[in-house]
């Protein structure tokens, strides 16, 4: 018995005039109230479970982690990128056998302006894991270790990131431009790259190839 409830029950009696009248009599009725189970804390989502698992096994490698749009994002130091990618590839809980893409984001207001992003895919678990690291990208900066020994697809992906952003991948077997011309100056995806570029190129109909004109002056450049 967990509670007491009062209720009014009508009792009929014969009045002085011979008319049956109802008189409310208050009676105590005992009632049992079912105990509600305590609310359970919300369970972790699959993405949160992945982050918790990685953090428990690689506490010194994973600096932090967040979940965005239902997908886990793992942050590591540049030197630890190969360690994390090897773990995600070989561990039975992740099995990210495919490196889908390598790209970057340029945020000039930061001390380490470039955020290098690795998109990992697991066919076995039908899941994705994103690995990010921060680097400066300035002249003489050590950059990020190459992961071509882990994933052959990283060869061209790292070359593209180097070409567009100027991020150095040390240990790459052939780090050279892949999208722009060999003599191209600058890196087009940097926020401080002028919209018109540094050098104007025109197609030479006689030579059947591009030829470079003089370097553009500041009046022809439009900064972002």
N, C-alpha and C. Protein backbone atom coordinates (compact mmCIF):
# COMPACT_ATOMS: atom_id res chain seq x y z
N UNK A 1 0.85 -1.18 0.00
CA UNK A 1 0.00 0.00 0.00
C UNK A 1 0.89 1.23 0.00
N UNK A 2 0.68 2.07 -0.99
CA UNK A 2 1.56 3.23 -1.11
C UNK A 2 0.83 4.54 -0.95
N UNK A 3 -0.52 4.53 -0.88
CA UNK A 3 -1.24 5.80 -0.76
C UNK A 3 -2.65 5.59 -0.29
N UNK A 4 -3.31 6.66 0.16
CA UNK A 4 -4.69 6.60 0.64
C UNK A 4 -5.50 7.59 -0.15
N UNK A 5 -6.64 7.17 -0.62
CA UNK A 5 -7.51 8.02 -1.43
C UNK A 5 -8.89 8.09 -0.78
N UNK A 6 -9.48 9.27 -0.70
CA UNK A 6 -10.84 9.44 -0.12
C UNK A 6 -11.84 9.58 -1.24
N UNK A 7 -13.05 9.02 -1.04
CA UNK A 7 -14.10 9.12 -2.04
C UNK A 7 -15.46 9.21 -1.34
N UNK A 8 -16.43 9.83 -1.97
CA UNK A 8 -17.79 10.00 -1.41
C UNK A 8 -18.73 8.99 -2.04
N UNK A 9 -19.35 8.16 -1.20
CA UNK A 9 -20.29 7.16 -1.69
C UNK A 9 -21.69 7.52 -1.20
N UNK A 10 -22.72 7.56 -2.05
CA UNK A 10 -24.09 7.90 -1.62
C UNK A 10 -24.74 6.74 -0.87
N UNK A 11 -25.40 7.03 0.25
CA UNK A 11 -26.15 6.04 1.02
C UNK A 11 -27.60 6.51 1.11
N UNK A 12 -28.51 5.64 0.70
CA UNK A 12 -29.93 6.01 0.69
C UNK A 12 -30.56 5.67 2.05
N UNK A 13 -31.39 6.60 2.56
CA UNK A 13 -32.12 6.37 3.81
C UNK A 13 -33.54 6.95 3.68
N UNK A 14 -34.42 6.51 4.57
CA UNK A 14 -35.81 6.94 4.54
C UNK A 14 -35.97 8.19 5.41
N UNK A 15 -36.45 9.26 4.79
CA UNK A 15 -36.63 10.51 5.52
C UNK A 15 -37.92 10.53 6.33
N UNK A 16 -38.14 11.65 7.06
CA UNK A 16 -39.33 11.78 7.90
C UNK A 16 -40.61 11.83 7.09
N UNK A 17 -40.52 12.24 5.84
CA UNK A 17 -41.70 12.33 4.97
C UNK A 17 -41.90 11.07 4.17
N UNK A 18 -41.07 10.09 4.43
CA UNK A 18 -41.22 8.83 3.71
C UNK A 18 -40.53 8.82 2.36
N UNK A 19 -39.71 9.86 2.06
CA UNK A 19 -39.00 9.94 0.78
C UNK A 19 -37.57 9.48 0.99
N UNK A 20 -37.17 8.68 0.05
CA UNK A 20 -35.78 8.20 0.10
C UNK A 20 -34.84 9.34 -0.28
N UNK A 21 -33.91 9.60 0.58
CA UNK A 21 -32.92 10.64 0.31
C UNK A 21 -31.52 10.04 0.34
N UNK A 22 -30.65 10.66 -0.44
CA UNK A 22 -29.26 10.20 -0.46
C UNK A 22 -28.43 11.09 0.43
N UNK A 23 -27.58 10.47 1.21
CA UNK A 23 -26.69 11.23 2.09
C UNK A 23 -25.25 10.83 1.78
N UNK A 24 -24.45 11.78 1.42
CA UNK A 24 -23.04 11.44 1.12
C UNK A 24 -22.29 11.12 2.39
N UNK A 25 -21.66 10.02 2.37
CA UNK A 25 -20.84 9.61 3.51
C UNK A 25 -19.41 9.45 3.01
N UNK A 26 -18.52 10.09 3.69
CA UNK A 26 -17.11 10.03 3.30
C UNK A 26 -16.50 8.77 3.86
N UNK A 27 -15.97 7.98 3.01
CA UNK A 27 -15.34 6.75 3.44
C UNK A 27 -13.89 6.74 2.94
N UNK A 28 -13.09 6.13 3.75
CA UNK A 28 -11.69 6.04 3.38
C UNK A 28 -11.49 4.75 2.59
N UNK A 29 -10.93 4.92 1.44
CA UNK A 29 -10.67 3.76 0.59
C UNK A 29 -9.17 3.65 0.39
N UNK A 30 -8.69 2.50 0.61
CA UNK A 30 -7.28 2.25 0.40
C UNK A 30 -7.07 1.85 -1.05
N UNK A 31 -6.07 2.43 -1.65
CA UNK A 31 -5.77 2.09 -3.04
C UNK A 31 -4.28 1.90 -3.19
N UNK A 32 -3.94 1.12 -4.12
CA UNK A 32 -2.52 0.85 -4.40
C UNK A 32 -2.12 1.60 -5.65
N UNK A 33 -0.98 2.21 -5.59
CA UNK A 33 -0.44 2.95 -6.73
C UNK A 33 0.81 2.24 -7.23
N UNK A 34 0.83 1.95 -8.50
CA UNK A 34 1.98 1.25 -9.08
C UNK A 34 3.20 2.17 -9.08
N UNK A 35 4.31 1.66 -8.63
CA UNK A 35 5.56 2.43 -8.59
C UNK A 35 6.15 2.53 -9.99
N UNK A 36 6.40 3.76 -10.45
CA UNK A 36 6.98 3.98 -11.78
C UNK A 36 8.47 3.70 -11.75
N UNK A 37 8.97 2.95 -12.73
CA UNK A 37 10.43 2.69 -12.75
C UNK A 37 11.21 3.97 -13.02
N UNK A 38 12.39 4.04 -12.46
CA UNK A 38 13.23 5.22 -12.66
C UNK A 38 13.62 5.36 -14.13
N UNK A 39 13.62 6.60 -14.62
CA UNK A 39 13.94 6.84 -16.02
C UNK A 39 15.41 6.51 -16.28
N UNK A 40 15.64 5.77 -17.35
CA UNK A 40 17.00 5.41 -17.70
C UNK A 40 17.67 6.54 -18.47
N UNK A 41 18.95 6.75 -18.26
CA UNK A 41 19.64 7.78 -19.04
C UNK A 41 19.65 7.41 -20.52
N UNK A 42 19.62 8.39 -21.41
CA UNK A 42 19.59 8.09 -22.84
C UNK A 42 20.84 7.31 -23.25
N UNK A 43 20.65 6.31 -24.08
CA UNK A 43 21.76 5.50 -24.55
C UNK A 43 22.61 6.28 -25.54
N UNK A 44 23.89 5.92 -25.63
CA UNK A 44 24.78 6.57 -26.58
C UNK A 44 24.38 6.20 -28.00
N UNK A 45 24.52 7.16 -28.90
CA UNK A 45 24.30 6.87 -30.32
C UNK A 45 25.49 6.07 -30.84
N UNK A 46 25.35 5.41 -31.99
CA UNK A 46 26.49 4.68 -32.55
C UNK A 46 27.74 5.54 -32.73
N UNK A 47 27.55 6.80 -33.15
CA UNK A 47 28.70 7.68 -33.33
C UNK A 47 29.38 7.99 -32.01
N UNK A 48 28.59 8.22 -30.96
CA UNK A 48 29.17 8.47 -29.63
C UNK A 48 29.86 7.24 -29.08
N UNK A 49 29.32 6.06 -29.37
CA UNK A 49 29.96 4.83 -28.93
C UNK A 49 31.32 4.64 -29.60
N UNK A 50 31.42 5.01 -30.87
CA UNK A 50 32.70 4.91 -31.57
C UNK A 50 33.72 5.84 -30.93
N UNK A 51 33.32 7.07 -30.63
CA UNK A 51 34.24 8.02 -30.00
C UNK A 51 34.68 7.53 -28.62
N UNK A 52 33.74 7.01 -27.85
CA UNK A 52 34.08 6.51 -26.52
C UNK A 52 35.06 5.34 -26.62
N UNK A 53 34.84 4.46 -27.59
CA UNK A 53 35.72 3.31 -27.76
C UNK A 53 37.12 3.73 -28.18
N UNK A 54 37.22 4.66 -29.12
CA UNK A 54 38.53 5.12 -29.58
C UNK A 54 39.27 5.83 -28.46
N UNK A 55 38.56 6.66 -27.70
CA UNK A 55 39.18 7.39 -26.60
C UNK A 55 39.71 6.45 -25.53
N UNK A 56 38.98 5.36 -25.27
CA UNK A 56 39.43 4.41 -24.24
C UNK A 56 40.65 3.62 -24.68
N UNK A 57 40.79 3.37 -25.98
CA UNK A 57 41.91 2.58 -26.47
C UNK A 57 43.11 3.42 -26.89
N UNK A 58 42.86 4.66 -27.33
CA UNK A 58 43.96 5.55 -27.74
C UNK A 58 43.84 6.89 -27.01
N UNK A 59 43.97 6.89 -25.69
CA UNK A 59 43.76 8.15 -24.94
C UNK A 59 44.83 9.20 -25.22
N UNK A 60 46.03 8.78 -25.57
CA UNK A 60 47.11 9.74 -25.81
C UNK A 60 47.17 10.20 -27.26
N UNK A 61 46.41 9.58 -28.11
CA UNK A 61 46.42 9.94 -29.53
C UNK A 61 45.23 10.84 -29.87
N UNK A 62 44.07 10.48 -29.41
CA UNK A 62 42.86 11.27 -29.67
C UNK A 62 42.80 12.45 -28.70
N UNK A 63 42.87 13.66 -29.22
CA UNK A 63 42.82 14.85 -28.38
C UNK A 63 41.39 15.20 -27.98
N UNK A 64 40.47 15.11 -28.92
CA UNK A 64 39.06 15.38 -28.65
C UNK A 64 38.23 14.76 -29.75
N UNK A 65 36.92 14.77 -29.55
CA UNK A 65 36.01 14.20 -30.54
C UNK A 65 34.63 14.82 -30.43
N UNK A 66 33.98 14.97 -31.57
CA UNK A 66 32.63 15.52 -31.61
C UNK A 66 31.80 14.70 -32.60
N UNK A 67 30.48 14.84 -32.49
CA UNK A 67 29.56 14.20 -33.43
C UNK A 67 28.84 15.28 -34.21
N UNK A 68 28.93 15.24 -35.52
CA UNK A 68 28.28 16.21 -36.40
C UNK A 68 27.45 15.47 -37.44
N UNK A 69 26.17 15.79 -37.48
CA UNK A 69 25.25 15.14 -38.43
C UNK A 69 25.30 13.62 -38.30
N UNK A 70 25.42 13.14 -37.08
CA UNK A 70 25.40 11.72 -36.83
C UNK A 70 26.68 10.98 -37.14
N UNK A 71 27.76 11.70 -37.46
CA UNK A 71 29.03 11.06 -37.80
C UNK A 71 30.11 11.52 -36.83
N UNK A 72 30.97 10.59 -36.38
CA UNK A 72 32.01 10.95 -35.41
C UNK A 72 33.18 11.65 -36.09
N UNK A 73 33.73 12.65 -35.40
CA UNK A 73 34.92 13.37 -35.87
C UNK A 73 35.98 13.26 -34.78
N UNK A 74 37.14 12.76 -35.15
CA UNK A 74 38.24 12.54 -34.21
C UNK A 74 39.35 13.55 -34.53
N UNK A 75 39.81 14.26 -33.50
CA UNK A 75 40.90 15.22 -33.65
C UNK A 75 42.19 14.61 -33.08
N UNK A 76 43.27 14.75 -33.85
CA UNK A 76 44.58 14.25 -33.43
C UNK A 76 45.64 15.28 -33.79
N UNK A 77 46.83 15.11 -33.21
CA UNK A 77 47.97 15.93 -33.61
C UNK A 77 48.49 15.44 -34.96
N UNK A 78 49.15 16.32 -35.73
CA UNK A 78 49.63 15.89 -37.06
C UNK A 78 50.50 14.64 -37.03
N UNK A 79 51.37 14.53 -36.05
CA UNK A 79 52.28 13.38 -36.00
C UNK A 79 51.54 12.07 -35.74
N UNK A 80 50.32 12.14 -35.20
CA UNK A 80 49.57 10.94 -34.84
C UNK A 80 48.56 10.52 -35.91
N UNK A 81 48.55 11.21 -37.04
CA UNK A 81 47.60 10.85 -38.10
C UNK A 81 47.80 9.42 -38.59
N UNK A 82 49.03 8.97 -38.92
CA UNK A 82 49.19 7.57 -39.35
C UNK A 82 48.76 6.56 -38.30
N UNK A 83 49.01 6.86 -37.02
CA UNK A 83 48.62 5.93 -35.96
C UNK A 83 47.11 5.77 -35.93
N UNK A 84 46.38 6.89 -36.01
CA UNK A 84 44.93 6.83 -35.95
C UNK A 84 44.35 6.14 -37.18
N UNK A 85 44.85 6.44 -38.36
CA UNK A 85 44.32 5.82 -39.57
C UNK A 85 44.60 4.32 -39.60
N UNK A 86 45.76 3.92 -39.11
CA UNK A 86 46.06 2.49 -39.05
C UNK A 86 45.11 1.78 -38.07
N UNK A 87 44.84 2.42 -36.94
CA UNK A 87 43.91 1.84 -35.97
C UNK A 87 42.52 1.69 -36.56
N UNK A 88 42.02 2.73 -37.22
CA UNK A 88 40.69 2.67 -37.81
C UNK A 88 40.61 1.63 -38.92
N UNK A 89 41.70 1.41 -39.62
CA UNK A 89 41.71 0.41 -40.69
C UNK A 89 41.72 -1.02 -40.15
N UNK A 90 42.50 -1.29 -39.10
CA UNK A 90 42.75 -2.66 -38.67
C UNK A 90 41.86 -3.13 -37.53
N UNK A 91 41.32 -2.23 -36.72
CA UNK A 91 40.54 -2.67 -35.56
C UNK A 91 39.20 -3.24 -36.02
N UNK A 92 38.78 -4.36 -35.37
CA UNK A 92 37.54 -5.02 -35.76
C UNK A 92 36.29 -4.18 -35.48
N UNK A 93 36.40 -3.23 -34.53
CA UNK A 93 35.25 -2.40 -34.21
C UNK A 93 35.00 -1.28 -35.20
N UNK A 94 35.99 -0.96 -36.02
CA UNK A 94 35.84 0.12 -37.00
C UNK A 94 35.98 -0.40 -38.43
N UNK A 95 37.10 -1.04 -38.74
CA UNK A 95 37.35 -1.64 -40.05
C UNK A 95 37.09 -0.64 -41.18
N UNK A 96 37.68 0.54 -41.06
CA UNK A 96 37.58 1.56 -42.12
C UNK A 96 38.65 1.26 -43.17
N UNK A 97 38.31 0.42 -44.11
CA UNK A 97 39.28 -0.05 -45.09
C UNK A 97 39.47 0.92 -46.25
N UNK A 98 38.59 1.89 -46.38
CA UNK A 98 38.67 2.79 -47.53
C UNK A 98 38.90 4.22 -47.10
N UNK A 99 39.91 4.85 -47.68
CA UNK A 99 40.14 6.29 -47.53
C UNK A 99 39.43 6.99 -48.67
N UNK A 100 38.32 7.62 -48.38
CA UNK A 100 37.48 8.21 -49.42
C UNK A 100 38.08 9.50 -49.94
N UNK A 101 38.58 10.36 -49.05
CA UNK A 101 39.03 11.68 -49.50
C UNK A 101 39.95 12.29 -48.46
N UNK A 102 40.80 13.17 -48.94
CA UNK A 102 41.63 14.05 -48.09
C UNK A 102 41.41 15.47 -48.59
N UNK A 103 41.00 16.34 -47.71
CA UNK A 103 40.79 17.73 -48.09
C UNK A 103 41.20 18.61 -46.93
N UNK A 104 40.97 19.90 -47.06
CA UNK A 104 41.37 20.84 -46.01
C UNK A 104 40.44 22.05 -46.02
N UNK A 105 40.49 22.79 -44.93
CA UNK A 105 39.75 24.04 -44.79
C UNK A 105 40.73 25.11 -44.34
N UNK A 106 40.68 26.27 -44.97
CA UNK A 106 41.58 27.37 -44.65
C UNK A 106 40.84 28.40 -43.79
N UNK A 107 41.32 28.60 -42.57
CA UNK A 107 40.76 29.61 -41.67
C UNK A 107 41.91 30.53 -41.26
N UNK A 108 42.16 31.61 -42.00
CA UNK A 108 43.37 32.44 -41.78
C UNK A 108 43.45 33.06 -40.39
N UNK A 109 42.32 33.22 -39.69
CA UNK A 109 42.36 33.86 -38.37
C UNK A 109 42.97 32.97 -37.30
N UNK A 110 43.12 31.69 -37.56
CA UNK A 110 43.71 30.79 -36.59
C UNK A 110 45.23 30.79 -36.68
N UNK A 111 45.85 30.44 -35.57
CA UNK A 111 47.31 30.31 -35.58
C UNK A 111 47.72 29.16 -36.50
N UNK A 112 47.04 28.03 -36.38
CA UNK A 112 47.19 26.93 -37.33
C UNK A 112 46.00 26.99 -38.26
N UNK A 113 46.21 27.62 -39.40
CA UNK A 113 45.10 28.04 -40.24
C UNK A 113 44.43 26.89 -41.00
N UNK A 114 45.13 25.77 -41.20
CA UNK A 114 44.57 24.70 -42.02
C UNK A 114 44.07 23.54 -41.17
N UNK A 115 42.89 23.07 -41.52
CA UNK A 115 42.28 21.91 -40.88
C UNK A 115 42.23 20.79 -41.92
N UNK A 116 43.15 19.84 -41.81
CA UNK A 116 43.24 18.74 -42.76
C UNK A 116 42.26 17.66 -42.33
N UNK A 117 41.48 17.16 -43.29
CA UNK A 117 40.39 16.23 -42.99
C UNK A 117 40.55 14.95 -43.80
N UNK A 118 40.44 13.82 -43.12
CA UNK A 118 40.50 12.49 -43.74
C UNK A 118 39.13 11.82 -43.60
N UNK A 119 38.53 11.44 -44.72
CA UNK A 119 37.22 10.79 -44.72
C UNK A 119 37.42 9.27 -44.82
N UNK A 120 37.05 8.55 -43.76
CA UNK A 120 37.21 7.10 -43.71
C UNK A 120 35.85 6.42 -43.82
N UNK A 121 35.83 5.27 -44.52
CA UNK A 121 34.59 4.54 -44.74
C UNK A 121 34.78 3.07 -44.39
N UNK A 122 33.80 2.52 -43.65
CA UNK A 122 33.78 1.10 -43.31
C UNK A 122 32.61 0.45 -44.03
N UNK A 123 32.90 -0.47 -44.96
CA UNK A 123 31.85 -1.21 -45.65
C UNK A 123 31.24 -2.27 -44.73
N UNK A 124 32.06 -2.84 -43.85
CA UNK A 124 31.55 -3.89 -42.95
C UNK A 124 30.50 -3.36 -41.99
N UNK A 125 30.75 -2.15 -41.44
CA UNK A 125 29.84 -1.58 -40.45
C UNK A 125 28.91 -0.51 -41.04
N UNK A 126 29.09 -0.23 -42.33
CA UNK A 126 28.27 0.81 -42.98
C UNK A 126 28.33 2.12 -42.20
N UNK A 127 29.54 2.57 -41.91
CA UNK A 127 29.72 3.77 -41.10
C UNK A 127 30.91 4.56 -41.62
N UNK A 128 30.98 5.81 -41.20
CA UNK A 128 32.06 6.72 -41.58
C UNK A 128 32.68 7.31 -40.33
N UNK A 129 33.97 7.58 -40.42
CA UNK A 129 34.71 8.27 -39.36
C UNK A 129 35.57 9.34 -40.02
N UNK A 130 35.50 10.54 -39.47
CA UNK A 130 36.29 11.65 -40.01
C UNK A 130 37.42 11.98 -39.04
N UNK A 131 38.63 12.06 -39.55
CA UNK A 131 39.81 12.38 -38.74
C UNK A 131 40.31 13.75 -39.17
N UNK A 132 40.54 14.64 -38.19
CA UNK A 132 40.99 16.00 -38.49
C UNK A 132 42.25 16.32 -37.68
N UNK A 133 43.09 17.17 -38.28
CA UNK A 133 44.28 17.66 -37.60
C UNK A 133 44.53 19.09 -38.05
N UNK A 134 45.23 19.86 -37.25
CA UNK A 134 45.50 21.27 -37.53
C UNK A 134 46.97 21.47 -37.85
N UNK A 135 47.25 22.31 -38.86
CA UNK A 135 48.62 22.60 -39.23
C UNK A 135 48.71 24.03 -39.74
N UNK A 136 49.94 24.57 -39.73
CA UNK A 136 50.13 25.95 -40.14
C UNK A 136 50.19 26.14 -41.64
N UNK A 137 50.99 25.34 -42.32
CA UNK A 137 51.08 25.45 -43.77
C UNK A 137 52.01 26.53 -44.26
N UNK A 138 52.75 27.19 -43.37
CA UNK A 138 53.68 28.23 -43.79
C UNK A 138 54.99 27.60 -44.28
N UNK A 139 55.81 28.43 -44.90
CA UNK A 139 57.10 27.98 -45.40
C UNK A 139 57.94 27.47 -44.22
N UNK A 140 58.46 26.25 -44.36
CA UNK A 140 59.26 25.66 -43.30
C UNK A 140 58.45 24.87 -42.30
N UNK A 141 57.11 24.91 -42.42
CA UNK A 141 56.28 24.14 -41.51
C UNK A 141 56.43 22.65 -41.81
N UNK A 142 56.46 21.84 -40.75
CA UNK A 142 56.67 20.40 -40.93
C UNK A 142 55.51 19.74 -41.65
N UNK A 143 54.34 20.29 -41.54
CA UNK A 143 53.19 19.74 -42.24
C UNK A 143 52.63 18.51 -41.56
N UNK A 144 52.16 17.58 -42.38
CA UNK A 144 51.49 16.37 -41.91
C UNK A 144 52.20 15.16 -42.50
N UNK A 145 52.37 14.07 -41.74
CA UNK A 145 52.98 12.87 -42.31
C UNK A 145 52.11 12.27 -43.43
N UNK A 146 52.76 11.75 -44.44
CA UNK A 146 52.04 11.10 -45.53
C UNK A 146 51.53 9.73 -45.07
N UNK A 147 50.37 9.34 -45.60
CA UNK A 147 49.80 8.03 -45.27
C UNK A 147 49.72 7.15 -46.52
N UNK A 148 50.61 7.42 -47.49
CA UNK A 148 50.61 6.62 -48.72
C UNK A 148 50.97 5.16 -48.45
N UNK A 149 51.71 4.88 -47.39
CA UNK A 149 52.05 3.50 -47.07
C UNK A 149 50.85 2.73 -46.52
N UNK A 150 49.87 3.45 -45.98
CA UNK A 150 48.67 2.81 -45.46
C UNK A 150 47.58 2.68 -46.52
N UNK A 151 47.41 3.74 -47.32
CA UNK A 151 46.37 3.76 -48.34
C UNK A 151 46.99 4.28 -49.64
N UNK A 152 46.92 3.48 -50.67
CA UNK A 152 47.49 3.90 -51.96
C UNK A 152 46.72 5.09 -52.54
N UNK A 153 45.44 5.22 -52.19
CA UNK A 153 44.64 6.34 -52.70
C UNK A 153 45.14 7.68 -52.17
N UNK A 154 45.90 7.66 -51.09
CA UNK A 154 46.39 8.91 -50.50
C UNK A 154 47.40 9.61 -51.40
N UNK A 155 48.00 8.90 -52.34
CA UNK A 155 49.03 9.49 -53.19
C UNK A 155 48.50 10.71 -53.93
N UNK A 156 47.47 10.53 -54.72
CA UNK A 156 46.92 11.65 -55.48
C UNK A 156 46.13 12.61 -54.59
N UNK A 157 45.49 12.10 -53.55
CA UNK A 157 44.72 12.98 -52.67
C UNK A 157 45.63 13.97 -51.95
N UNK A 158 46.78 13.51 -51.49
CA UNK A 158 47.73 14.41 -50.83
C UNK A 158 48.33 15.39 -51.83
N UNK A 159 48.57 14.95 -53.04
CA UNK A 159 49.08 15.87 -54.07
C UNK A 159 48.06 16.97 -54.37
N UNK A 160 46.77 16.60 -54.42
CA UNK A 160 45.74 17.60 -54.67
C UNK A 160 45.65 18.61 -53.53
N UNK A 161 45.71 18.13 -52.29
CA UNK A 161 45.66 19.03 -51.14
C UNK A 161 46.89 19.94 -51.11
N UNK A 162 48.05 19.40 -51.46
CA UNK A 162 49.25 20.23 -51.54
C UNK A 162 49.11 21.29 -52.64
N UNK A 163 48.57 20.90 -53.79
CA UNK A 163 48.43 21.82 -54.91
C UNK A 163 47.46 22.95 -54.58
N UNK A 164 46.33 22.63 -53.96
CA UNK A 164 45.30 23.63 -53.71
C UNK A 164 45.57 24.49 -52.49
N UNK A 165 46.21 23.91 -51.45
CA UNK A 165 46.39 24.63 -50.19
C UNK A 165 47.85 24.89 -49.82
N UNK A 166 48.78 24.16 -50.43
CA UNK A 166 50.18 24.33 -50.07
C UNK A 166 50.56 23.62 -48.79
N UNK A 167 49.79 22.63 -48.36
CA UNK A 167 50.11 21.87 -47.15
C UNK A 167 51.12 20.80 -47.50
N UNK A 168 52.19 20.73 -46.73
CA UNK A 168 53.28 19.79 -47.00
C UNK A 168 53.01 18.46 -46.32
N UNK A 169 53.12 17.37 -47.08
CA UNK A 169 52.98 16.02 -46.56
C UNK A 169 54.36 15.35 -46.61
N UNK A 170 55.06 15.37 -45.49
CA UNK A 170 56.42 14.83 -45.51
C UNK A 170 56.38 13.31 -45.56
N UNK A 171 57.29 12.77 -46.36
CA UNK A 171 57.32 11.33 -46.59
C UNK A 171 56.58 10.90 -47.85
N UNK A 172 55.96 11.85 -48.55
CA UNK A 172 55.25 11.51 -49.79
C UNK A 172 56.27 11.19 -50.88
N UNK A 173 56.07 10.13 -51.66
CA UNK A 173 57.08 9.74 -52.66
C UNK A 173 57.19 10.69 -53.85
N UNK A 174 56.14 11.46 -54.14
CA UNK A 174 56.18 12.32 -55.33
C UNK A 174 55.24 13.51 -55.12
N UNK A 175 55.58 14.38 -54.21
CA UNK A 175 54.71 15.50 -53.85
C UNK A 175 54.92 16.65 -54.83
N UNK A 176 54.10 16.70 -55.87
CA UNK A 176 54.13 17.78 -56.85
C UNK A 176 52.70 18.11 -57.27
N UNK A 177 52.54 19.18 -58.02
CA UNK A 177 51.21 19.63 -58.41
C UNK A 177 50.53 18.57 -59.28
N UNK A 178 49.20 18.57 -59.19
CA UNK A 178 48.44 17.58 -59.95
C UNK A 178 47.28 18.20 -60.74
N UNK A 179 46.79 19.37 -60.33
CA UNK A 179 45.67 20.01 -61.02
C UNK A 179 46.09 21.26 -61.77
N UNK A 180 47.00 22.03 -61.24
CA UNK A 180 47.44 23.26 -61.89
C UNK A 180 48.68 23.00 -62.74
N UNK A 181 49.06 24.01 -63.51
CA UNK A 181 50.23 23.90 -64.38
C UNK A 181 51.51 23.83 -63.55
N UNK A 182 52.56 23.28 -64.15
CA UNK A 182 53.82 23.12 -63.43
C UNK A 182 54.38 24.46 -62.97
N UNK A 183 54.21 25.50 -63.75
CA UNK A 183 54.74 26.80 -63.38
C UNK A 183 53.77 27.68 -62.63
N UNK A 184 52.66 27.12 -62.18
CA UNK A 184 51.64 27.90 -61.48
C UNK A 184 52.19 28.44 -60.18
N UNK A 185 51.82 29.67 -59.87
CA UNK A 185 52.29 30.32 -58.65
C UNK A 185 51.14 30.44 -57.65
N UNK A 186 51.42 30.03 -56.41
CA UNK A 186 50.41 30.13 -55.37
C UNK A 186 49.55 28.87 -55.27
N UNK A 187 48.56 28.95 -54.39
CA UNK A 187 47.67 27.81 -54.13
C UNK A 187 46.24 28.34 -54.13
N UNK A 188 45.43 27.94 -55.12
CA UNK A 188 44.14 28.61 -55.39
C UNK A 188 43.11 28.55 -54.27
N UNK A 189 43.14 27.53 -53.41
CA UNK A 189 42.10 27.39 -52.40
C UNK A 189 42.42 28.14 -51.11
N UNK A 190 43.56 28.80 -51.06
CA UNK A 190 43.85 29.64 -49.89
C UNK A 190 43.00 30.90 -49.93
N UNK A 191 42.55 31.33 -48.77
CA UNK A 191 41.66 32.49 -48.71
C UNK A 191 42.36 33.78 -49.13
N UNK A 192 43.68 33.83 -49.04
CA UNK A 192 44.39 35.05 -49.44
C UNK A 192 44.87 35.00 -50.89
N UNK A 193 44.43 34.02 -51.66
CA UNK A 193 44.82 33.94 -53.07
C UNK A 193 43.95 34.90 -53.88
N UNK A 194 44.55 35.75 -54.73
CA UNK A 194 43.76 36.72 -55.51
C UNK A 194 42.88 36.01 -56.53
N UNK A 195 41.70 36.56 -56.77
CA UNK A 195 40.75 35.94 -57.69
C UNK A 195 41.30 35.84 -59.10
N UNK A 196 42.09 36.80 -59.52
CA UNK A 196 42.65 36.78 -60.89
C UNK A 196 43.97 36.04 -60.97
N UNK A 197 44.48 35.56 -59.84
CA UNK A 197 45.76 34.86 -59.87
C UNK A 197 46.94 35.81 -59.93
N UNK A 198 48.12 35.24 -60.02
CA UNK A 198 49.35 36.05 -60.07
C UNK A 198 49.86 36.21 -61.50
N UNK A 199 49.60 35.23 -62.36
CA UNK A 199 50.11 35.26 -63.73
C UNK A 199 48.95 34.95 -64.68
N UNK A 200 48.85 35.72 -65.76
CA UNK A 200 47.81 35.50 -66.75
C UNK A 200 48.29 34.50 -67.80
N UNK A 201 47.47 33.50 -68.11
CA UNK A 201 47.82 32.48 -69.11
C UNK A 201 46.88 32.59 -70.30
N UNK A 202 47.45 32.46 -71.49
CA UNK A 202 46.64 32.47 -72.71
C UNK A 202 47.08 31.31 -73.60
N UNK A 203 46.14 30.85 -74.40
CA UNK A 203 46.42 29.72 -75.29
C UNK A 203 47.06 30.22 -76.58
N UNK A 204 48.20 29.63 -76.94
CA UNK A 204 48.93 29.98 -78.16
C UNK A 204 48.48 29.03 -79.26
N UNK A 205 47.75 29.56 -80.25
CA UNK A 205 47.22 28.72 -81.32
C UNK A 205 48.34 28.14 -82.17
N UNK A 206 49.42 28.89 -82.35
CA UNK A 206 50.53 28.40 -83.19
C UNK A 206 51.28 27.26 -82.51
N UNK A 207 51.53 27.42 -81.19
CA UNK A 207 52.28 26.40 -80.45
C UNK A 207 51.38 25.32 -79.87
N UNK A 208 50.05 25.54 -79.95
CA UNK A 208 49.08 24.58 -79.45
C UNK A 208 49.28 24.28 -77.95
N UNK A 209 49.58 25.31 -77.21
CA UNK A 209 49.73 25.14 -75.77
C UNK A 209 49.55 26.49 -75.10
N UNK A 210 49.46 26.49 -73.79
CA UNK A 210 49.32 27.73 -73.04
C UNK A 210 50.65 28.46 -73.00
N UNK A 211 50.56 29.77 -73.06
CA UNK A 211 51.75 30.58 -72.87
C UNK A 211 51.45 31.62 -71.80
N UNK A 212 52.45 31.95 -71.01
CA UNK A 212 52.26 32.88 -69.90
C UNK A 212 52.58 34.30 -70.35
N UNK A 213 51.78 35.22 -69.91
CA UNK A 213 52.06 36.63 -70.13
C UNK A 213 52.76 37.19 -68.92
N UNK A 214 52.87 38.48 -68.85
CA UNK A 214 53.57 39.11 -67.74
C UNK A 214 52.77 38.94 -66.46
N UNK A 215 53.47 39.11 -65.36
CA UNK A 215 52.84 39.01 -64.05
C UNK A 215 51.84 40.14 -63.87
N UNK A 216 50.66 39.82 -63.35
CA UNK A 216 49.63 40.83 -63.15
C UNK A 216 50.03 41.76 -62.03
N UNK A 217 49.73 43.06 -62.21
CA UNK A 217 50.01 44.01 -61.14
C UNK A 217 48.85 44.06 -60.17
N UNK A 218 49.01 44.82 -59.13
CA UNK A 218 48.02 44.85 -58.06
C UNK A 218 46.68 45.41 -58.51
N UNK A 219 46.66 46.23 -59.58
CA UNK A 219 45.41 46.81 -60.01
C UNK A 219 44.48 45.78 -60.65
N UNK A 220 45.04 44.64 -61.07
CA UNK A 220 44.23 43.61 -61.69
C UNK A 220 43.88 42.49 -60.72
N UNK A 221 44.31 42.61 -59.49
CA UNK A 221 44.07 41.55 -58.53
C UNK A 221 42.93 41.95 -57.58
N UNK A 222 42.12 40.99 -57.29
CA UNK A 222 40.98 41.22 -56.41
C UNK A 222 41.06 40.21 -55.29
N UNK A 223 41.49 40.68 -54.14
CA UNK A 223 41.64 39.79 -52.98
C UNK A 223 40.27 39.45 -52.41
N UNK A 224 40.20 38.28 -51.76
CA UNK A 224 38.97 37.88 -51.06
C UNK A 224 38.77 38.75 -49.84
